Amino acid sequence: MNKKDFKDYNTEVMLQILKKSEVELQKAEAENDSEKIKFINEEVIPKYEKLYLALAELDIRDKSEEEIKTFRETVDKIAESNGLTEEFIKKCISVREELKGKSGAEVTKRMFEYAVKDLKKKKIILLERMDVLLKEEAQLEADLKECIQYDAEMEISGKIVDVREKKRDLKEILDANDKEIEKIQNHINTKWRYEIFGTVSRDELKKAAEGE
């Protein structure tokens, strides 16, 4: 097995395990199985994501034949424990190569990139709203300091409370938006979230998304 085949085989095993994990996660979410959801999110996916990233970056140029053999045997054991045969993995590699540039992976990656772009646009709008509220709050606080009538003071104080409540609500939206950006950007950076669709054509992915 040459260096490229070695790398392709290793990463494909991890991608297929991660793809299987995603399917199981979706099923657990549909069944509202919180225990299984937690297990997959905290135990399964992090483990195989780490292996995928490590194997994708593994440089075997300075590795001995014995070391390479050990790596391969380890990956074979992982594949076997997850019900994946060598024949199946090689078929996935072949399909991935055939679909390169027209697979679901490219579509999914672009979808992630568009989502991040839209969320960043939304963040700009939210920050502009926050700036308006901050200026309004500052003006009300200044007015309160100058106020000498009790009724007017109570009115301004009430407005300040309202503005601060709006700020809190907006801050929650901003935090959620930032969290979503971080999550999707991580999907892009770690690659596997879209690469798992590299063995599916764009049309197949579209039909699956439409529930056909």
N, C-alpha and C. Protein backbone atom coordinates (compact mmCIF):
# COMPACT_ATOMS: atom_id res chain seq x y z
N MET A 1 0.85 -1.20 0.00
CA MET A 1 0.00 0.00 0.00
C MET A 1 0.89 1.24 0.00
N ASN A 2 0.70 2.12 -1.02
CA ASN A 2 1.52 3.33 -1.06
C ASN A 2 1.03 4.35 -0.04
N LYS A 3 1.78 5.46 0.06
CA LYS A 3 1.48 6.46 1.10
C LYS A 3 0.10 7.07 0.94
N LYS A 4 -0.29 7.38 -0.31
CA LYS A 4 -1.60 7.98 -0.54
C LYS A 4 -2.72 7.00 -0.18
N ASP A 5 -2.57 5.76 -0.62
CA ASP A 5 -3.59 4.75 -0.31
C ASP A 5 -3.70 4.53 1.20
N PHE A 6 -2.56 4.55 1.87
CA PHE A 6 -2.52 4.37 3.32
C PHE A 6 -3.32 5.48 4.01
N LYS A 7 -3.06 6.73 3.59
CA LYS A 7 -3.76 7.88 4.18
C LYS A 7 -5.24 7.85 3.84
N ASP A 8 -5.57 7.56 2.57
CA ASP A 8 -6.97 7.51 2.14
C ASP A 8 -7.75 6.46 2.92
N TYR A 9 -7.14 5.30 3.10
CA TYR A 9 -7.80 4.21 3.81
C TYR A 9 -8.08 4.59 5.26
N ASN A 10 -7.06 5.12 5.92
CA ASN A 10 -7.20 5.50 7.33
C ASN A 10 -8.29 6.54 7.54
N THR A 11 -8.25 7.59 6.73
CA THR A 11 -9.22 8.68 6.90
C THR A 11 -10.63 8.23 6.52
N GLU A 12 -10.72 7.35 5.51
CA GLU A 12 -12.05 6.87 5.10
C GLU A 12 -12.70 6.05 6.20
N VAL A 13 -11.91 5.25 6.89
CA VAL A 13 -12.45 4.47 8.01
C VAL A 13 -13.06 5.40 9.05
N MET A 14 -12.32 6.44 9.41
CA MET A 14 -12.81 7.38 10.42
C MET A 14 -14.03 8.15 9.93
N LEU A 15 -14.02 8.52 8.66
CA LEU A 15 -15.17 9.25 8.10
C LEU A 15 -16.43 8.39 8.13
N GLN A 16 -16.29 7.12 7.80
CA GLN A 16 -17.46 6.24 7.81
C GLN A 16 -17.98 6.00 9.22
N ILE A 17 -17.07 5.93 10.18
CA ILE A 17 -17.50 5.79 11.58
C ILE A 17 -18.21 7.05 12.05
N LEU A 18 -17.65 8.20 11.69
CA LEU A 18 -18.27 9.48 12.08
C LEU A 18 -19.62 9.67 11.39
N LYS A 19 -19.72 9.22 10.15
CA LYS A 19 -20.99 9.30 9.43
C LYS A 19 -22.05 8.44 10.12
N LYS A 20 -21.64 7.25 10.49
CA LYS A 20 -22.52 6.33 11.22
C LYS A 20 -22.95 6.93 12.56
N SER A 21 -22.01 7.59 13.22
CA SER A 21 -22.30 8.24 14.51
C SER A 21 -23.31 9.36 14.36
N GLU A 22 -23.19 10.12 13.25
CA GLU A 22 -24.14 11.20 12.98
C GLU A 22 -25.55 10.65 12.76
N VAL A 23 -25.64 9.55 12.04
CA VAL A 23 -26.95 8.91 11.80
C VAL A 23 -27.56 8.45 13.12
N GLU A 24 -26.74 7.84 13.96
CA GLU A 24 -27.21 7.37 15.27
C GLU A 24 -27.61 8.54 16.17
N LEU A 25 -26.89 9.64 16.04
CA LEU A 25 -27.21 10.84 16.83
C LEU A 25 -28.57 11.40 16.41
N GLN A 26 -28.80 11.47 15.10
CA GLN A 26 -30.08 11.98 14.60
C GLN A 26 -31.23 11.09 15.05
N LYS A 27 -30.99 9.79 15.04
CA LYS A 27 -32.02 8.84 15.50
C LYS A 27 -32.30 9.04 16.98
N ALA A 28 -31.24 9.22 17.77
CA ALA A 28 -31.39 9.43 19.22
C ALA A 28 -32.15 10.73 19.50
N GLU A 29 -31.86 11.75 18.70
CA GLU A 29 -32.55 13.04 18.86
C GLU A 29 -34.03 12.91 18.51
N ALA A 30 -34.33 12.13 17.46
CA ALA A 30 -35.72 11.92 17.06
C ALA A 30 -36.49 11.15 18.13
N GLU A 31 -35.78 10.26 18.82
CA GLU A 31 -36.40 9.46 19.89
C GLU A 31 -36.29 10.14 21.25
N ASN A 32 -35.67 11.32 21.26
CA ASN A 32 -35.47 12.09 22.50
C ASN A 32 -34.74 11.27 23.57
N ASP A 33 -33.75 10.51 23.11
CA ASP A 33 -32.95 9.67 24.01
C ASP A 33 -31.76 10.49 24.52
N SER A 34 -31.98 11.24 25.59
CA SER A 34 -30.97 12.17 26.10
C SER A 34 -29.67 11.47 26.51
N GLU A 35 -29.80 10.27 27.06
CA GLU A 35 -28.61 9.53 27.50
C GLU A 35 -27.72 9.15 26.31
N LYS A 36 -28.35 8.68 25.25
CA LYS A 36 -27.60 8.29 24.06
C LYS A 36 -27.02 9.51 23.36
N ILE A 37 -27.79 10.59 23.33
CA ILE A 37 -27.32 11.84 22.72
C ILE A 37 -26.05 12.31 23.41
N LYS A 38 -26.08 12.29 24.73
CA LYS A 38 -24.93 12.72 25.52
C LYS A 38 -23.73 11.82 25.25
N PHE A 39 -23.96 10.51 25.20
CA PHE A 39 -22.88 9.55 24.97
C PHE A 39 -22.22 9.77 23.61
N ILE A 40 -23.04 9.95 22.59
CA ILE A 40 -22.49 10.14 21.23
C ILE A 40 -21.73 11.46 21.14
N ASN A 41 -22.34 12.52 21.69
CA ASN A 41 -21.72 13.85 21.62
C ASN A 41 -20.45 13.98 22.45
N GLU A 42 -20.43 13.30 23.59
CA GLU A 42 -19.31 13.48 24.51
C GLU A 42 -18.26 12.37 24.46
N GLU A 43 -18.66 11.19 23.99
CA GLU A 43 -17.73 10.06 23.99
C GLU A 43 -17.34 9.61 22.58
N VAL A 44 -18.34 9.35 21.76
CA VAL A 44 -18.08 8.75 20.45
C VAL A 44 -17.47 9.74 19.46
N ILE A 45 -18.20 10.83 19.18
CA ILE A 45 -17.73 11.78 18.17
C ILE A 45 -16.37 12.40 18.50
N PRO A 46 -16.15 12.89 19.73
CA PRO A 46 -14.83 13.46 20.03
C PRO A 46 -13.68 12.47 19.82
N LYS A 47 -13.92 11.21 20.18
CA LYS A 47 -12.89 10.17 20.04
C LYS A 47 -12.49 9.98 18.59
N TYR A 48 -13.49 9.81 17.72
CA TYR A 48 -13.19 9.53 16.31
C TYR A 48 -12.82 10.80 15.53
N GLU A 49 -13.31 11.93 15.98
CA GLU A 49 -12.87 13.19 15.37
C GLU A 49 -11.37 13.38 15.61
N LYS A 50 -10.95 13.11 16.83
CA LYS A 50 -9.52 13.24 17.18
C LYS A 50 -8.67 12.28 16.34
N LEU A 51 -9.14 11.06 16.18
CA LEU A 51 -8.42 10.08 15.37
C LEU A 51 -8.39 10.49 13.91
N TYR A 52 -9.52 10.99 13.41
CA TYR A 52 -9.59 11.44 12.01
C TYR A 52 -8.59 12.55 11.74
N LEU A 53 -8.57 13.56 12.61
CA LEU A 53 -7.66 14.69 12.44
C LEU A 53 -6.20 14.25 12.55
N ALA A 54 -5.93 13.36 13.49
CA ALA A 54 -4.56 12.88 13.68
C ALA A 54 -4.08 12.06 12.48
N LEU A 55 -4.94 11.19 11.97
CA LEU A 55 -4.57 10.36 10.83
C LEU A 55 -4.46 11.17 9.54
N ALA A 56 -5.30 12.19 9.43
CA ALA A 56 -5.25 13.06 8.24
C ALA A 56 -3.94 13.82 8.17
N GLU A 57 -3.37 14.12 9.34
CA GLU A 57 -2.12 14.89 9.41
C GLU A 57 -0.89 13.99 9.57
N LEU A 58 -1.11 12.70 9.69
CA LEU A 58 0.00 11.78 9.94
C LEU A 58 0.98 11.76 8.76
N ASP A 59 2.24 12.01 9.05
CA ASP A 59 3.30 11.99 8.04
C ASP A 59 4.06 10.67 8.19
N ILE A 60 3.93 9.82 7.18
CA ILE A 60 4.56 8.49 7.29
C ILE A 60 5.91 8.42 6.58
N ARG A 61 6.38 9.55 6.08
CA ARG A 61 7.65 9.54 5.34
C ARG A 61 8.82 9.05 6.18
N ASP A 62 8.78 9.37 7.47
CA ASP A 62 9.88 8.94 8.33
C ASP A 62 9.52 7.73 9.19
N LYS A 63 8.41 7.07 8.83
CA LYS A 63 7.99 5.89 9.59
C LYS A 63 8.55 4.61 8.97
N SER A 64 8.89 3.68 9.80
CA SER A 64 9.39 2.39 9.31
C SER A 64 8.23 1.54 8.83
N GLU A 65 8.54 0.50 8.08
CA GLU A 65 7.51 -0.42 7.58
C GLU A 65 6.76 -1.06 8.75
N GLU A 66 7.48 -1.34 9.81
CA GLU A 66 6.86 -1.95 10.99
C GLU A 66 5.87 -1.00 11.65
N GLU A 67 6.25 0.29 11.72
CA GLU A 67 5.36 1.30 12.31
C GLU A 67 4.10 1.47 11.46
N ILE A 68 4.29 1.50 10.15
CA ILE A 68 3.16 1.65 9.23
C ILE A 68 2.23 0.45 9.35
N LYS A 69 2.82 -0.73 9.46
CA LYS A 69 2.03 -1.95 9.62
C LYS A 69 1.21 -1.91 10.90
N THR A 70 1.82 -1.40 11.97
CA THR A 70 1.13 -1.28 13.26
C THR A 70 -0.03 -0.30 13.16
N PHE A 71 0.20 0.84 12.49
CA PHE A 71 -0.87 1.82 12.29
C PHE A 71 -2.04 1.18 11.55
N ARG A 72 -1.72 0.46 10.48
CA ARG A 72 -2.75 -0.16 9.65
C ARG A 72 -3.53 -1.20 10.44
N GLU A 73 -2.83 -2.01 11.21
CA GLU A 73 -3.50 -3.04 12.02
C GLU A 73 -4.44 -2.41 13.05
N THR A 74 -4.01 -1.28 13.61
CA THR A 74 -4.84 -0.57 14.59
C THR A 74 -6.12 -0.06 13.94
N VAL A 75 -5.95 0.54 12.75
CA VAL A 75 -7.11 1.06 12.02
C VAL A 75 -8.03 -0.08 11.59
N ASP A 76 -7.45 -1.20 11.17
CA ASP A 76 -8.25 -2.36 10.78
C ASP A 76 -9.11 -2.87 11.95
N LYS A 77 -8.53 -2.87 13.13
CA LYS A 77 -9.26 -3.31 14.32
C LYS A 77 -10.41 -2.36 14.63
N ILE A 78 -10.14 -1.06 14.48
CA ILE A 78 -11.18 -0.05 14.71
C ILE A 78 -12.31 -0.24 13.71
N ALA A 79 -11.94 -0.46 12.44
CA ALA A 79 -12.94 -0.67 11.38
C ALA A 79 -13.78 -1.90 11.68
N GLU A 80 -13.12 -2.98 12.04
CA GLU A 80 -13.81 -4.24 12.33
C GLU A 80 -14.76 -4.10 13.50
N SER A 81 -14.34 -3.38 14.54
CA SER A 81 -15.19 -3.19 15.72
C SER A 81 -16.41 -2.34 15.42
N ASN A 82 -16.35 -1.62 14.30
CA ASN A 82 -17.49 -0.79 13.89
C ASN A 82 -18.24 -1.39 12.69
N GLY A 83 -17.95 -2.66 12.40
CA GLY A 83 -18.67 -3.36 11.34
C GLY A 83 -18.31 -2.93 9.93
N LEU A 84 -17.09 -2.43 9.73
CA LEU A 84 -16.65 -1.96 8.42
C LEU A 84 -15.62 -2.91 7.84
N THR A 85 -15.88 -3.40 6.63
CA THR A 85 -14.94 -4.31 5.97
C THR A 85 -13.98 -3.52 5.09
N GLU A 86 -12.84 -4.14 4.77
CA GLU A 86 -11.86 -3.50 3.89
C GLU A 86 -12.47 -3.26 2.51
N GLU A 87 -13.28 -4.21 2.04
CA GLU A 87 -13.93 -4.08 0.74
C GLU A 87 -14.84 -2.85 0.71
N PHE A 88 -15.61 -2.67 1.78
CA PHE A 88 -16.52 -1.52 1.87
C PHE A 88 -15.75 -0.20 1.86
N ILE A 89 -14.66 -0.14 2.64
CA ILE A 89 -13.87 1.09 2.72
C ILE A 89 -13.25 1.42 1.37
N LYS A 90 -12.72 0.41 0.68
CA LYS A 90 -12.11 0.64 -0.64
C LYS A 90 -13.15 1.12 -1.65
N LYS A 91 -14.38 0.60 -1.53
CA LYS A 91 -15.45 1.04 -2.41
C LYS A 91 -15.80 2.50 -2.13
N CYS A 92 -15.83 2.88 -0.86
CA CYS A 92 -16.10 4.27 -0.47
C CYS A 92 -15.02 5.21 -1.02
N ILE A 93 -13.77 4.78 -0.94
CA ILE A 93 -12.66 5.59 -1.46
C ILE A 93 -12.82 5.79 -2.96
N SER A 94 -13.20 4.72 -3.67
CA SER A 94 -13.39 4.79 -5.12
C SER A 94 -14.53 5.73 -5.49
N VAL A 95 -15.64 5.61 -4.77
CA VAL A 95 -16.80 6.49 -5.03
C VAL A 95 -16.45 7.94 -4.72
N ARG A 96 -15.73 8.16 -3.63
CA ARG A 96 -15.32 9.52 -3.25
C ARG A 96 -14.49 10.16 -4.36
N GLU A 97 -13.59 9.36 -4.94
CA GLU A 97 -12.73 9.85 -6.02
C GLU A 97 -13.56 10.19 -7.26
N GLU A 98 -14.52 9.33 -7.58
CA GLU A 98 -15.38 9.54 -8.74
C GLU A 98 -16.25 10.79 -8.60
N LEU A 99 -16.70 11.06 -7.38
CA LEU A 99 -17.62 12.18 -7.13
C LEU A 99 -16.91 13.49 -6.77
N LYS A 100 -15.60 13.47 -6.74
CA LYS A 100 -14.85 14.67 -6.34
C LYS A 100 -15.26 15.87 -7.20
N GLY A 101 -15.65 16.95 -6.53
CA GLY A 101 -16.08 18.16 -7.21
C GLY A 101 -17.57 18.21 -7.49
N LYS A 102 -18.26 17.09 -7.31
CA LYS A 102 -19.70 17.05 -7.57
C LYS A 102 -20.44 16.21 -6.51
N SER A 103 -19.84 16.13 -5.35
CA SER A 103 -20.44 15.33 -4.27
C SER A 103 -21.18 16.20 -3.26
N GLY A 104 -21.80 15.52 -2.32
CA GLY A 104 -22.50 16.24 -1.26
C GLY A 104 -21.56 16.97 -0.33
N ALA A 105 -20.27 16.59 -0.34
CA ALA A 105 -19.29 17.24 0.54
C ALA A 105 -19.13 18.71 0.16
N GLU A 106 -18.98 18.97 -1.14
CA GLU A 106 -18.80 20.35 -1.60
C GLU A 106 -20.04 21.20 -1.31
N VAL A 107 -21.20 20.60 -1.52
CA VAL A 107 -22.46 21.30 -1.25
C VAL A 107 -22.60 21.64 0.23
N THR A 108 -22.28 20.67 1.07
CA THR A 108 -22.40 20.87 2.52
C THR A 108 -21.41 21.91 3.02
N LYS A 109 -20.20 21.88 2.48
CA LYS A 109 -19.20 22.87 2.89
C LYS A 109 -19.66 24.28 2.53
N ARG A 110 -20.17 24.44 1.31
CA ARG A 110 -20.67 25.76 0.89
C ARG A 110 -21.84 26.20 1.76
N MET A 111 -22.68 25.25 2.12
CA MET A 111 -23.82 25.56 2.99
C MET A 111 -23.33 26.09 4.33
N PHE A 112 -22.31 25.45 4.88
CA PHE A 112 -21.72 25.91 6.14
C PHE A 112 -21.14 27.32 5.98
N GLU A 113 -20.43 27.54 4.89
CA GLU A 113 -19.79 28.85 4.65
C GLU A 113 -20.83 29.95 4.50
N TYR A 114 -21.92 29.65 3.77
CA TYR A 114 -23.00 30.63 3.62
C TYR A 114 -23.66 30.93 4.97
N ALA A 115 -23.83 29.87 5.77
CA ALA A 115 -24.46 30.04 7.09
C ALA A 115 -23.63 30.95 7.97
N VAL A 116 -22.31 30.76 7.97
CA VAL A 116 -21.42 31.61 8.77
C VAL A 116 -21.49 33.05 8.27
N LYS A 117 -21.50 33.22 6.96
CA LYS A 117 -21.58 34.56 6.37
C LYS A 117 -22.86 35.27 6.80
N ASP A 118 -23.98 34.56 6.73
CA ASP A 118 -25.27 35.14 7.12
C ASP A 118 -25.31 35.47 8.62
N LEU A 119 -24.75 34.59 9.43
CA LEU A 119 -24.73 34.83 10.88
C LEU A 119 -23.86 36.03 11.23
N LYS A 120 -22.79 36.23 10.49
CA LYS A 120 -21.92 37.39 10.73
C LYS A 120 -22.62 38.69 10.32
N LYS A 121 -23.42 38.62 9.25
CA LYS A 121 -24.22 39.78 8.85
C LYS A 121 -25.24 40.10 9.93
N LYS A 122 -25.86 39.05 10.45
CA LYS A 122 -26.85 39.22 11.52
C LYS A 122 -26.19 39.84 12.74
N LYS A 123 -24.96 39.43 13.04
CA LYS A 123 -24.25 39.96 14.20
C LYS A 123 -24.03 41.46 14.07
N ILE A 124 -23.69 41.91 12.87
CA ILE A 124 -23.48 43.35 12.63
C ILE A 124 -24.75 44.12 12.95
N ILE A 125 -25.89 43.60 12.48
CA ILE A 125 -27.18 44.25 12.73
C ILE A 125 -27.49 44.28 14.22
N LEU A 126 -27.23 43.16 14.90
CA LEU A 126 -27.48 43.08 16.34
C LEU A 126 -26.59 44.04 17.12
N LEU A 127 -25.34 44.16 16.71
CA LEU A 127 -24.41 45.09 17.37
C LEU A 127 -24.83 46.54 17.16
N GLU A 128 -25.38 46.82 15.99
CA GLU A 128 -25.88 48.18 15.72
C GLU A 128 -27.06 48.49 16.64
N ARG A 129 -27.93 47.50 16.83
CA ARG A 129 -29.07 47.68 17.75
C ARG A 129 -28.57 47.88 19.18
N MET A 130 -27.55 47.12 19.56
CA MET A 130 -26.98 47.25 20.90
C MET A 130 -26.38 48.64 21.09
N ASP A 131 -25.74 49.16 20.05
CA ASP A 131 -25.14 50.49 20.13
C ASP A 131 -26.22 51.55 20.36
N VAL A 132 -27.35 51.39 19.67
CA VAL A 132 -28.48 52.32 19.85
C VAL A 132 -28.97 52.28 21.29
N LEU A 133 -29.11 51.08 21.83
CA LEU A 133 -29.58 50.92 23.22
C LEU A 133 -28.59 51.50 24.22
N LEU A 134 -27.31 51.32 23.97
CA LEU A 134 -26.28 51.87 24.87
C LEU A 134 -26.31 53.39 24.89
N LYS A 135 -26.50 53.97 23.72
CA LYS A 135 -26.59 55.44 23.63
C LYS A 135 -27.85 55.94 24.32
N GLU A 136 -28.95 55.19 24.12
CA GLU A 136 -30.21 55.57 24.76
C GLU A 136 -30.09 55.48 26.28
N GLU A 137 -29.44 54.43 26.76
CA GLU A 137 -29.24 54.25 28.19
C GLU A 137 -28.38 55.37 28.76
N ALA A 138 -27.31 55.71 28.06
CA ALA A 138 -26.41 56.78 28.52
C ALA A 138 -27.14 58.11 28.60
N GLN A 139 -27.99 58.38 27.60
CA GLN A 139 -28.74 59.63 27.59
C GLN A 139 -29.75 59.68 28.74
N LEU A 140 -30.43 58.56 28.95
CA LEU A 140 -31.40 58.50 30.05
C LEU A 140 -30.73 58.67 31.41
N GLU A 141 -29.55 58.07 31.57
CA GLU A 141 -28.82 58.22 32.83
C GLU A 141 -28.38 59.66 33.05
N ALA A 142 -28.01 60.32 31.95
CA ALA A 142 -27.63 61.74 32.04
C ALA A 142 -28.85 62.58 32.39
N ASP A 143 -29.99 62.26 31.77
CA ASP A 143 -31.23 62.99 32.06
C ASP A 143 -31.65 62.80 33.52
N LEU A 144 -31.44 61.58 34.03
CA LEU A 144 -31.82 61.28 35.41
C LEU A 144 -31.00 62.12 36.40
N LYS A 145 -29.75 62.31 36.10
CA LYS A 145 -28.90 63.12 36.98
C LYS A 145 -29.35 64.57 37.03
N GLU A 146 -29.91 65.04 35.93
CA GLU A 146 -30.35 66.44 35.84
C GLU A 146 -31.78 66.63 36.32
N CYS A 147 -32.47 65.52 36.53
CA CYS A 147 -33.90 65.59 36.88
C CYS A 147 -34.10 66.10 38.31
N ILE A 148 -35.09 66.97 38.47
CA ILE A 148 -35.38 67.52 39.81
C ILE A 148 -36.81 67.22 40.26
N GLN A 149 -37.62 66.70 39.35
CA GLN A 149 -39.01 66.39 39.70
C GLN A 149 -39.18 64.88 39.90
N TYR A 150 -39.89 64.52 40.94
CA TYR A 150 -40.06 63.11 41.32
C TYR A 150 -40.73 62.30 40.22
N ASP A 151 -41.85 62.82 39.67
CA ASP A 151 -42.59 62.09 38.63
C ASP A 151 -41.72 61.84 37.40
N ALA A 152 -41.00 62.88 37.01
CA ALA A 152 -40.11 62.76 35.85
C ALA A 152 -38.99 61.76 36.13
N GLU A 153 -38.52 61.78 37.37
CA GLU A 153 -37.45 60.86 37.77
C GLU A 153 -37.91 59.41 37.69
N MET A 154 -39.15 59.16 38.15
CA MET A 154 -39.71 57.82 38.09
C MET A 154 -39.91 57.36 36.64
N GLU A 155 -40.34 58.29 35.81
CA GLU A 155 -40.56 57.97 34.40
C GLU A 155 -39.25 57.59 33.72
N ILE A 156 -38.22 58.38 33.98
CA ILE A 156 -36.90 58.10 33.38
C ILE A 156 -36.33 56.79 33.91
N SER A 157 -36.50 56.56 35.21
CA SER A 157 -36.01 55.31 35.82
C SER A 157 -36.68 54.09 35.18
N GLY A 158 -37.98 54.23 34.91
CA GLY A 158 -38.72 53.15 34.26
C GLY A 158 -38.20 52.88 32.86
N LYS A 159 -37.88 53.96 32.15
CA LYS A 159 -37.34 53.82 30.79
C LYS A 159 -35.96 53.14 30.81
N ILE A 160 -35.18 53.48 31.83
CA ILE A 160 -33.85 52.86 31.97
C ILE A 160 -33.99 51.35 32.20
N VAL A 161 -34.96 50.98 33.04
CA VAL A 161 -35.21 49.56 33.29
C VAL A 161 -35.59 48.85 32.00
N ASP A 162 -36.47 49.48 31.21
CA ASP A 162 -36.90 48.90 29.93
C ASP A 162 -35.72 48.71 28.98
N VAL A 163 -34.88 49.73 28.89
CA VAL A 163 -33.71 49.67 28.00
C VAL A 163 -32.77 48.55 28.43
N ARG A 164 -32.56 48.43 29.73
CA ARG A 164 -31.65 47.39 30.23
C ARG A 164 -32.20 45.99 29.99
N GLU A 165 -33.52 45.86 30.06
CA GLU A 165 -34.13 44.56 29.75
C GLU A 165 -33.93 44.21 28.28
N LYS A 166 -34.08 45.22 27.42
CA LYS A 166 -33.85 45.02 25.98
C LYS A 166 -32.39 44.64 25.72
N LYS A 167 -31.49 45.27 26.47
CA LYS A 167 -30.06 44.95 26.34
C LYS A 167 -29.78 43.50 26.74
N ARG A 168 -30.40 43.07 27.83
CA ARG A 168 -30.20 41.69 28.28
C ARG A 168 -30.70 40.69 27.24
N ASP A 169 -31.90 40.98 26.71
CA ASP A 169 -32.48 40.11 25.69
C ASP A 169 -31.59 40.06 24.45
N LEU A 170 -31.12 41.23 24.05
CA LEU A 170 -30.27 41.32 22.86
C LEU A 170 -28.93 40.61 23.08
N LYS A 171 -28.42 40.72 24.30
CA LYS A 171 -27.15 40.05 24.64
C LYS A 171 -27.31 38.53 24.52
N GLU A 172 -28.45 38.02 24.95
CA GLU A 172 -28.71 36.58 24.84
C GLU A 172 -28.74 36.15 23.38
N ILE A 173 -29.36 36.97 22.53
CA ILE A 173 -29.42 36.67 21.10
C ILE A 173 -28.02 36.72 20.49
N LEU A 174 -27.24 37.72 20.88
CA LEU A 174 -25.87 37.85 20.38
C LEU A 174 -25.01 36.66 20.80
N ASP A 175 -25.15 36.25 22.05
CA ASP A 175 -24.38 35.11 22.55
C ASP A 175 -24.74 33.83 21.79
N ALA A 176 -26.05 33.64 21.55
CA ALA A 176 -26.50 32.46 20.81
C ALA A 176 -25.98 32.49 19.37
N ASN A 177 -25.98 33.69 18.79
CA ASN A 177 -25.49 33.87 17.43
C ASN A 177 -23.99 33.55 17.35
N ASP A 178 -23.24 34.04 18.32
CA ASP A 178 -21.79 33.78 18.37
C ASP A 178 -21.52 32.28 18.54
N LYS A 179 -22.33 31.65 19.37
CA LYS A 179 -22.17 30.21 19.62
C LYS A 179 -22.41 29.42 18.34
N GLU A 180 -23.40 29.85 17.57
CA GLU A 180 -23.72 29.16 16.31
C GLU A 180 -22.60 29.37 15.29
N ILE A 181 -22.06 30.59 15.24
CA ILE A 181 -20.92 30.86 14.35
C ILE A 181 -19.75 29.96 14.70
N GLU A 182 -19.46 29.89 15.98
CA GLU A 182 -18.33 29.06 16.45
C GLU A 182 -18.54 27.59 16.11
N LYS A 183 -19.78 27.12 16.28
CA LYS A 183 -20.09 25.72 16.00
C LYS A 183 -19.91 25.38 14.53
N ILE A 184 -20.47 26.22 13.66
CA ILE A 184 -20.39 25.95 12.22
C ILE A 184 -18.97 26.15 11.71
N GLN A 185 -18.27 27.15 12.23
CA GLN A 185 -16.88 27.36 11.83
C GLN A 185 -16.03 26.15 12.21
N ASN A 186 -16.36 25.55 13.35
CA ASN A 186 -15.65 24.34 13.77
C ASN A 186 -15.95 23.18 12.82
N HIS A 187 -17.20 23.12 12.32
CA HIS A 187 -17.55 22.10 11.32
C HIS A 187 -16.67 22.25 10.08
N ILE A 188 -16.45 23.50 9.68
CA ILE A 188 -15.62 23.77 8.50
C ILE A 188 -14.16 23.40 8.77
N ASN A 189 -13.67 23.82 9.92
CA ASN A 189 -12.25 23.60 10.25
C ASN A 189 -11.89 22.13 10.41
N THR A 190 -12.79 21.37 11.03
CA THR A 190 -12.48 19.95 11.26
C THR A 190 -12.77 19.07 10.04
N LYS A 191 -13.46 19.64 9.07
CA LYS A 191 -13.70 19.04 7.74
C LYS A 191 -14.65 17.84 7.70
N TRP A 192 -14.60 16.96 8.67
CA TRP A 192 -15.34 15.71 8.56
C TRP A 192 -16.85 15.90 8.48
N ARG A 193 -17.35 17.00 9.03
CA ARG A 193 -18.80 17.23 9.03
C ARG A 193 -19.34 17.37 7.61
N TYR A 194 -18.50 17.81 6.68
CA TYR A 194 -18.95 17.84 5.29
C TYR A 194 -18.33 16.71 4.46
N GLU A 195 -17.13 16.26 4.84
CA GLU A 195 -16.48 15.18 4.09
C GLU A 195 -17.24 13.85 4.19
N ILE A 196 -18.05 13.68 5.23
CA ILE A 196 -18.82 12.43 5.35
C ILE A 196 -19.82 12.29 4.20
N PHE A 197 -20.10 13.40 3.50
CA PHE A 197 -21.02 13.35 2.37
C PHE A 197 -20.28 13.25 1.04
N GLY A 198 -18.98 12.96 1.10
CA GLY A 198 -18.18 12.85 -0.12
C GLY A 198 -18.45 11.61 -0.94
N THR A 199 -19.19 10.66 -0.38
CA THR A 199 -19.55 9.43 -1.12
C THR A 199 -21.01 9.47 -1.58
N VAL A 200 -21.59 10.66 -1.50
CA VAL A 200 -22.98 10.86 -1.93
C VAL A 200 -22.99 11.97 -2.98
N SER A 201 -23.73 11.77 -4.06
CA SER A 201 -23.79 12.80 -5.09
C SER A 201 -24.63 13.98 -4.62
N ARG A 202 -24.46 15.10 -5.30
CA ARG A 202 -25.25 16.29 -4.95
C ARG A 202 -26.74 16.02 -5.06
N ASP A 203 -27.13 15.31 -6.13
CA ASP A 203 -28.55 15.03 -6.35
C ASP A 203 -29.12 14.12 -5.26
N GLU A 204 -28.33 13.12 -4.87
CA GLU A 204 -28.77 12.21 -3.80
C GLU A 204 -28.96 12.95 -2.49
N LEU A 205 -28.02 13.85 -2.21
CA LEU A 205 -28.10 14.63 -0.97
C LEU A 205 -29.31 15.54 -0.99
N LYS A 206 -29.56 16.14 -2.16
CA LYS A 206 -30.72 17.03 -2.30
C LYS A 206 -32.02 16.27 -2.09
N LYS A 207 -32.12 15.08 -2.68
CA LYS A 207 -33.32 14.26 -2.52
C LYS A 207 -33.53 13.85 -1.07
N ALA A 208 -32.42 13.50 -0.41
CA ALA A 208 -32.50 13.10 1.00
C ALA A 208 -32.96 14.27 1.86
N ALA A 209 -32.46 15.48 1.54
CA ALA A 209 -32.83 16.68 2.30
C ALA A 209 -34.30 17.03 2.10
N GLU A 210 -34.80 16.71 0.91
CA GLU A 210 -36.20 17.02 0.59
C GLU A 210 -37.13 15.90 1.04
N GLY A 211 -36.54 14.82 1.57
CA GLY A 211 -37.34 13.72 2.10
C GLY A 211 -37.90 12.80 1.06
N GLU A 212 -37.22 12.80 -0.11
CA GLU A 212 -37.70 11.92 -1.18
C GLU A 212 -37.17 10.51 -0.99
